[in-house]
Amino acid sequence: MAQAINRWEPATGLTLRDAMNQLFEESFVRPFSRNGNGNGHQYLPVDIYETDDSFVVKAFVPGVTADRIDITTQQRTVTIRTEQPDEPQDNVRYYLRERPTGAWLRSFELPTAIDSGHIDAQLNHGVLVLTLPKAPEAKPQKVQIQTA
């Protein structure tokens, strides 16, 4: 996904120190607090690993229920969409607000085809675990040698 490029405006009154503080704040203190991919969607952190038979995706979706997660696959591409609605509260003033809300989106391409008909999706304690079996034609095949 392409990242948004913002034009630098020198008249904003931002000092170099302010700019560096903002950079470190956004990168390390609150890495997922801004529009992560430039589309108004936040960046959805995932781990992806491969076993002999499948790919496993673990996505961090804190506070999201299963009915708010949309998973689609097309050939080798997997897309996860979800939304964590804002909790409007009357007569409150936040002193600190770090919990992410809003739309989350993550799309990635796997190295080989997957068997879309046998995907397993589990949601446990804010972690979505997808087990994506490799398509039979993508699995290595052992060849038996015939002797005469």
Protein backbone atom coordinates (compact mmCIF):
# COMPACT_ATOMS: atom_id res chain seq x y z
CA MET A 1 0.00 0.00 0.00
CA ALA A 2 1.25 3.44 -0.85
CA GLN A 3 1.97 5.80 1.98
CA ALA A 4 0.58 9.33 1.89
CA ILE A 5 3.15 12.03 1.20
CA ASN A 6 2.41 15.29 2.97
CA ARG A 7 3.82 18.50 1.61
CA TRP A 8 6.07 20.29 4.05
CA GLU A 9 4.79 23.74 4.90
CA PRO A 10 7.48 25.85 6.59
CA ALA A 11 4.96 28.42 7.81
CA THR A 12 3.32 26.03 10.26
CA GLY A 13 5.41 27.33 13.16
CA LEU A 14 6.95 23.92 13.87
CA THR A 15 10.49 24.13 15.16
CA LEU A 16 13.03 21.43 14.42
CA ARG A 17 12.74 20.27 18.02
CA ASP A 18 8.93 20.06 17.72
CA ALA A 19 9.24 18.13 14.46
CA MET A 20 11.70 15.64 15.97
CA ASN A 21 9.51 15.19 19.06
CA GLN A 22 6.51 14.54 16.82
CA LEU A 23 8.51 12.05 14.73
CA PHE A 24 9.60 10.07 17.78
CA GLU A 25 6.12 10.27 19.33
CA GLU A 26 4.47 8.85 16.19
CA SER A 27 7.15 6.23 15.54
CA PHE A 28 7.80 4.80 18.97
CA VAL A 29 5.29 5.98 21.56
CA ARG A 30 2.11 5.70 19.48
CA PRO A 31 3.06 3.85 16.29
CA PHE A 32 -0.52 2.97 15.32
CA SER A 33 -2.26 6.20 16.32
CA ARG A 34 -2.29 7.95 12.94
CA ASN A 35 -3.79 6.94 9.63
CA GLY A 36 -1.29 4.19 9.06
CA ASN A 37 -1.64 3.64 5.34
CA GLY A 38 -2.84 7.00 4.06
CA ASN A 39 -6.35 5.74 3.25
CA GLY A 40 -7.97 6.69 6.54
CA HIS A 41 -7.33 3.14 7.75
CA GLN A 42 -4.96 2.39 10.55
CA TYR A 43 -2.10 -0.04 10.20
CA LEU A 44 -3.02 -3.52 11.40
CA PRO A 45 0.04 -5.26 12.89
CA VAL A 46 0.45 -8.91 11.86
CA ASP A 47 2.88 -11.81 12.17
CA ILE A 48 3.00 -14.25 9.24
CA TYR A 49 4.86 -17.54 9.22
CA GLU A 50 4.90 -20.69 7.12
CA THR A 51 4.69 -24.36 8.03
CA ASP A 52 4.97 -27.32 5.67
CA ASP A 53 1.22 -27.33 5.01
CA SER A 54 0.02 -23.77 5.59
CA PHE A 55 0.63 -20.12 6.28
CA VAL A 56 -0.36 -18.73 9.67
CA VAL A 57 -1.33 -15.10 10.18
CA LYS A 58 -1.66 -13.60 13.64
CA ALA A 59 -3.26 -10.15 13.67
CA PHE A 60 -3.55 -7.87 16.67
CA VAL A 61 -7.21 -6.69 16.88
CA PRO A 62 -7.73 -5.43 20.45
CA GLY A 63 -11.34 -5.03 21.55
CA VAL A 64 -12.79 -6.10 18.19
CA THR A 65 -15.52 -8.74 18.09
CA ALA A 66 -15.64 -11.45 15.41
CA ASP A 67 -18.69 -9.91 13.72
CA ARG A 68 -16.67 -6.75 12.98
CA ILE A 69 -13.87 -8.58 11.12
CA ASP A 70 -14.04 -9.14 7.35
CA ILE A 71 -11.52 -11.54 5.79
CA THR A 72 -11.33 -12.00 2.03
CA THR A 73 -8.98 -14.05 -0.12
CA GLN A 74 -8.29 -13.95 -3.83
CA GLN A 75 -5.66 -16.31 -5.21
CA ARG A 76 -2.57 -15.49 -3.08
CA THR A 77 -3.88 -12.24 -1.58
CA VAL A 78 -5.46 -12.02 1.88
CA THR A 79 -7.23 -8.89 3.12
CA ILE A 80 -8.34 -8.24 6.70
CA ARG A 81 -10.71 -5.35 7.39
CA THR A 82 -12.13 -4.39 10.75
CA GLU A 83 -13.47 -1.43 12.61
CA GLN A 84 -13.31 -0.51 16.26
CA PRO A 85 -16.07 2.05 16.81
CA ASP A 86 -15.47 5.08 18.96
CA GLU A 87 -17.25 4.97 22.29
CA PRO A 88 -18.97 8.36 22.54
CA GLN A 89 -19.36 9.54 26.11
CA ASP A 90 -21.09 12.68 27.26
CA ASN A 91 -19.55 15.03 29.80
CA VAL A 92 -16.04 13.56 29.74
CA ARG A 93 -12.67 15.21 29.09
CA TYR A 94 -9.87 12.90 28.08
CA TYR A 95 -6.44 13.52 29.59
CA LEU A 96 -4.86 10.80 27.51
CA ARG A 97 -6.36 8.79 24.68
CA GLU A 98 -4.18 6.09 23.14
CA ARG A 99 -6.52 3.17 22.43
CA PRO A 100 -6.97 2.98 18.67
CA THR A 101 -10.43 3.34 17.18
CA GLY A 102 -11.62 3.52 13.61
CA ALA A 103 -11.04 1.41 10.52
CA TRP A 104 -8.17 -1.06 10.20
CA LEU A 105 -7.03 -2.65 6.95
CA ARG A 106 -4.24 -5.01 5.99
CA SER A 107 -3.70 -6.74 2.68
CA PHE A 108 -0.75 -8.94 1.76
CA GLU A 109 0.27 -11.45 -0.87
CA LEU A 110 1.58 -14.88 0.03
CA PRO A 111 4.34 -16.63 -1.95
CA THR A 112 2.11 -19.52 -3.08
CA ALA A 113 -1.57 -20.23 -3.68
CA ILE A 114 -3.80 -21.10 -0.74
CA ASP A 115 -6.79 -23.41 -0.42
CA SER A 116 -9.51 -20.83 0.26
CA GLY A 117 -12.10 -23.50 1.03
CA HIS A 118 -10.30 -24.74 4.13
CA ILE A 119 -9.21 -21.57 5.95
CA ASP A 120 -9.51 -21.64 9.73
CA ALA A 121 -10.06 -18.35 11.60
CA GLN A 122 -9.93 -18.07 15.39
CA LEU A 123 -10.28 -14.97 17.59
CA ASN A 124 -8.85 -15.28 21.08
CA HIS A 125 -8.07 -12.45 23.51
CA GLY A 126 -7.69 -9.80 20.80
CA VAL A 127 -5.54 -11.93 18.50
CA LEU A 128 -6.96 -13.16 15.19
CA VAL A 129 -5.25 -16.36 14.03
CA LEU A 130 -5.75 -17.40 10.40
CA THR A 131 -4.51 -20.78 9.24
CA LEU A 132 -4.33 -20.68 5.45
CA PRO A 133 -3.67 -24.14 4.00
CA LYS A 134 -1.48 -24.25 0.93
CA ALA A 135 -3.21 -25.33 -2.26
CA PRO A 136 -2.41 -28.96 -3.12
CA GLU A 137 -0.51 -27.91 -6.23
CA ALA A 138 1.65 -25.56 -4.13
CA LYS A 139 2.81 -28.26 -1.72
CA PRO A 140 6.04 -30.07 -2.49
CA GLN A 141 5.48 -33.55 -3.90
CA LYS A 142 7.78 -36.46 -3.23
CA VAL A 143 8.65 -38.47 -6.31
CA GLN A 144 9.11 -42.21 -5.90
CA ILE A 145 11.91 -43.69 -7.96
CA GLN A 146 11.19 -47.02 -9.64
CA THR A 147 13.98 -49.52 -9.87
CA ALA A 148 14.29 -52.13 -12.58
